Amino acid sequence: MDVDKLKQWLELAQKVQGNDFWNSIFDGPPGGQIAQVNNQQDARHRYNHYQPNQSAPSSEAEFPKVDIYTNNREWMVVVDLPGIRKEDVNLSMSANNLTIKGVLHSPYKDATVVKAERPTGHFERTIQLPELINETRTAARFFNGVLEVRIMRNLAPERNIRID
């Protein structure tokens, strides 16, 4: 048996189902799995039917967590990156997408994990904004584990067009 592959599957299951994945499989009451599936379907239904200006329910698997704000001048994207160094984060933009990539290193290289609730390893998240991004008028800063990206909006002033 390949222990590394088993470890990868365990980490994937924890990211997708949360940290109590194996407990819910083996220690849950009879029928608990059916209730869990129903709850997941209800959560997907709520997510697919949220209204604008209302927060969509977030999945535990979404990392990093992101808030997006806007005003008449700019978009502000706030990203939680606890325990991550600025050097380990990369931002890229294309059309109306902002992509955040990085790696979160384990704090103890020579130790065996007994319980792991915090994510480690490579991550990538693409955020789609409702309008094209102005790459030349973008600024980012990283402070206390929070990344703030400010993107100026592409709002052209209204102008009259002469009709010939």
Protein backbone atom coordinates (compact mmCIF):
# COMPACT_ATOMS: atom_id res chain seq x y z
CA MET A 1 0.00 0.00 0.00
CA ASP A 2 1.35 3.41 -0.98
CA VAL A 3 1.20 5.50 2.21
CA ASP A 4 1.85 8.77 0.37
CA LYS A 5 -1.14 8.22 -1.93
CA LEU A 6 -3.31 7.34 1.07
CA LYS A 7 -2.19 10.54 2.79
CA GLN A 8 -3.09 12.57 -0.33
CA TRP A 9 -6.57 11.03 -0.39
CA LEU A 10 -7.01 11.77 3.32
CA GLU A 11 -6.00 15.41 2.81
CA LEU A 12 -8.36 15.74 -0.16
CA ALA A 13 -11.23 14.25 1.85
CA GLN A 14 -10.54 16.69 4.70
CA LYS A 15 -10.47 19.68 2.33
CA VAL A 16 -13.73 18.68 0.66
CA GLN A 17 -15.69 17.33 3.62
CA GLY A 18 -14.10 19.13 6.55
CA ASN A 19 -11.95 17.78 9.32
CA ASP A 20 -14.55 15.43 10.80
CA PHE A 21 -14.89 13.44 7.56
CA TRP A 22 -13.69 10.08 8.91
CA ASN A 23 -15.55 10.55 12.21
CA SER A 24 -18.81 11.06 10.35
CA ILE A 25 -18.19 7.93 8.26
CA PHE A 26 -17.36 5.52 11.10
CA ASP A 27 -18.80 6.98 14.30
CA GLY A 28 -22.00 8.61 13.08
CA PRO A 29 -25.46 7.23 13.88
CA PRO A 30 -27.15 4.91 11.37
CA GLY A 31 -28.56 6.97 8.52
CA GLY A 32 -26.20 9.82 9.36
CA GLN A 33 -24.65 9.69 5.92
CA ILE A 34 -28.05 10.13 4.27
CA ALA A 35 -28.76 13.18 6.43
CA GLN A 36 -25.33 14.54 5.54
CA VAL A 37 -26.03 14.16 1.80
CA ASN A 38 -29.40 15.89 2.23
CA ASN A 39 -27.74 18.76 4.12
CA GLN A 40 -25.14 19.13 1.37
CA GLN A 41 -27.88 19.23 -1.28
CA ASP A 42 -29.74 21.89 0.72
CA ALA A 43 -26.55 23.95 1.00
CA ARG A 44 -25.96 23.70 -2.77
CA HIS A 45 -29.55 24.81 -3.39
CA ARG A 46 -29.11 27.84 -1.11
CA TYR A 47 -25.81 28.70 -2.81
CA ASN A 48 -27.30 28.53 -6.30
CA HIS A 49 -30.23 30.76 -5.34
CA TYR A 50 -28.60 33.60 -3.37
CA GLN A 51 -29.53 37.15 -4.23
CA PRO A 52 -27.13 39.96 -5.24
CA ASN A 53 -25.87 41.96 -2.24
CA GLN A 54 -26.29 38.83 -0.14
CA SER A 55 -23.37 36.66 0.86
CA ALA A 56 -23.36 33.24 -0.71
CA PRO A 57 -22.79 30.42 1.74
CA SER A 58 -19.11 29.55 1.55
CA SER A 59 -17.73 26.07 1.36
CA GLU A 60 -15.11 24.90 3.82
CA ALA A 61 -13.07 23.84 0.80
CA GLU A 62 -12.78 27.42 -0.50
CA PHE A 63 -9.36 28.75 0.35
CA PRO A 64 -8.45 31.46 0.73
CA LYS A 65 -11.55 33.24 2.01
CA VAL A 66 -12.36 36.40 0.04
CA ASP A 67 -14.55 39.48 0.49
CA ILE A 68 -15.22 41.82 -2.44
CA TYR A 69 -16.30 45.45 -2.07
CA THR A 70 -16.98 48.14 -4.63
CA ASN A 71 -17.74 51.82 -4.88
CA ASN A 72 -18.02 54.17 -7.83
CA ARG A 73 -14.22 54.25 -8.34
CA GLU A 74 -12.76 50.83 -7.54
CA TRP A 75 -13.06 47.19 -6.56
CA MET A 76 -11.53 46.15 -3.25
CA VAL A 77 -10.72 42.46 -2.83
CA VAL A 78 -9.75 41.37 0.69
CA VAL A 79 -8.14 37.94 1.01
CA ASP A 80 -7.40 36.09 4.27
CA LEU A 81 -3.97 34.44 4.07
CA PRO A 82 -3.09 33.54 7.67
CA GLY A 83 0.36 32.11 8.16
CA ILE A 84 1.44 32.82 4.59
CA ARG A 85 4.43 34.97 3.73
CA LYS A 86 4.14 37.69 1.10
CA GLU A 87 6.90 35.99 -0.90
CA ASP A 88 4.73 32.86 -1.21
CA VAL A 89 1.78 34.64 -2.87
CA ASN A 90 1.35 35.46 -6.56
CA LEU A 91 -1.38 37.59 -8.16
CA SER A 92 -2.34 37.61 -11.82
CA MET A 93 -5.14 39.25 -13.79
CA SER A 94 -6.79 38.56 -17.10
CA ALA A 95 -10.00 40.08 -18.51
CA ASN A 96 -12.27 40.15 -15.45
CA ASN A 97 -10.44 37.45 -13.43
CA LEU A 98 -8.12 37.93 -10.48
CA THR A 99 -6.13 34.78 -9.65
CA ILE A 100 -4.40 34.25 -6.32
CA LYS A 101 -1.83 31.45 -6.12
CA GLY A 102 0.47 30.51 -3.32
CA VAL A 103 1.82 27.95 -0.95
CA LEU A 104 1.33 27.54 2.78
CA HIS A 105 4.26 25.72 4.34
CA SER A 106 3.95 23.45 7.34
CA PRO A 107 5.61 25.12 10.33
CA TYR A 108 7.32 21.85 11.39
CA LYS A 109 9.19 19.98 8.67
CA ASP A 110 10.56 17.19 10.90
CA ALA A 111 7.36 16.36 12.78
CA THR A 112 4.48 13.97 12.22
CA VAL A 113 1.02 15.49 11.98
CA VAL A 114 -1.32 14.17 14.67
CA LYS A 115 -4.28 16.44 13.86
CA ALA A 116 -4.45 18.93 11.00
CA GLU A 117 -7.20 21.54 10.71
CA ARG A 118 -5.15 24.23 9.02
CA PRO A 119 -4.52 23.94 5.28
CA THR A 120 -1.01 23.44 3.94
CA GLY A 121 0.39 23.12 0.46
CA HIS A 122 -0.32 24.86 -2.82
CA PHE A 123 -3.55 26.76 -3.40
CA GLU A 124 -5.14 28.69 -6.23
CA ARG A 125 -8.33 30.71 -6.35
CA THR A 126 -9.74 32.71 -9.25
CA ILE A 127 -12.21 35.47 -8.51
CA GLN A 128 -14.42 36.67 -11.33
CA LEU A 129 -15.45 40.32 -11.18
CA PRO A 130 -18.53 41.53 -13.08
CA GLU A 131 -16.52 43.89 -15.31
CA LEU A 132 -13.16 43.99 -17.06
CA ILE A 133 -10.14 44.70 -14.88
CA ASN A 134 -7.81 47.63 -15.50
CA GLU A 135 -4.46 45.89 -14.93
CA THR A 136 -2.46 49.12 -15.13
CA ARG A 137 -4.41 50.77 -12.31
CA THR A 138 -4.17 48.05 -9.67
CA ALA A 139 -2.42 48.06 -6.30
CA ALA A 140 -1.93 45.30 -3.73
CA ARG A 141 -0.66 45.30 -0.17
CA PHE A 142 -0.10 42.52 2.34
CA PHE A 143 -0.36 43.20 6.07
CA ASN A 144 -0.86 40.84 9.04
CA GLY A 145 -1.95 37.91 6.88
CA VAL A 146 -4.49 39.93 4.89
CA LEU A 147 -4.02 40.72 1.21
CA GLU A 148 -5.85 43.77 -0.09
CA VAL A 149 -6.11 44.29 -3.85
CA ARG A 150 -7.52 47.58 -5.16
CA ILE A 151 -8.56 47.66 -8.80
CA MET A 152 -9.70 50.90 -10.40
CA ARG A 153 -12.96 50.53 -12.29
CA ASN A 154 -13.14 51.10 -16.04
CA LEU A 155 -15.88 53.68 -15.91
CA ALA A 156 -15.79 55.98 -18.90
CA PRO A 157 -17.69 59.23 -18.43
CA GLU A 158 -20.86 59.56 -20.44
CA ARG A 159 -20.44 61.67 -23.54
CA ASN A 160 -22.81 62.95 -26.18
CA ILE A 161 -22.45 61.59 -29.69
CA ARG A 162 -23.20 63.87 -32.58
CA ILE A 163 -25.65 62.42 -35.09
CA ASP A 164 -24.96 63.29 -38.75
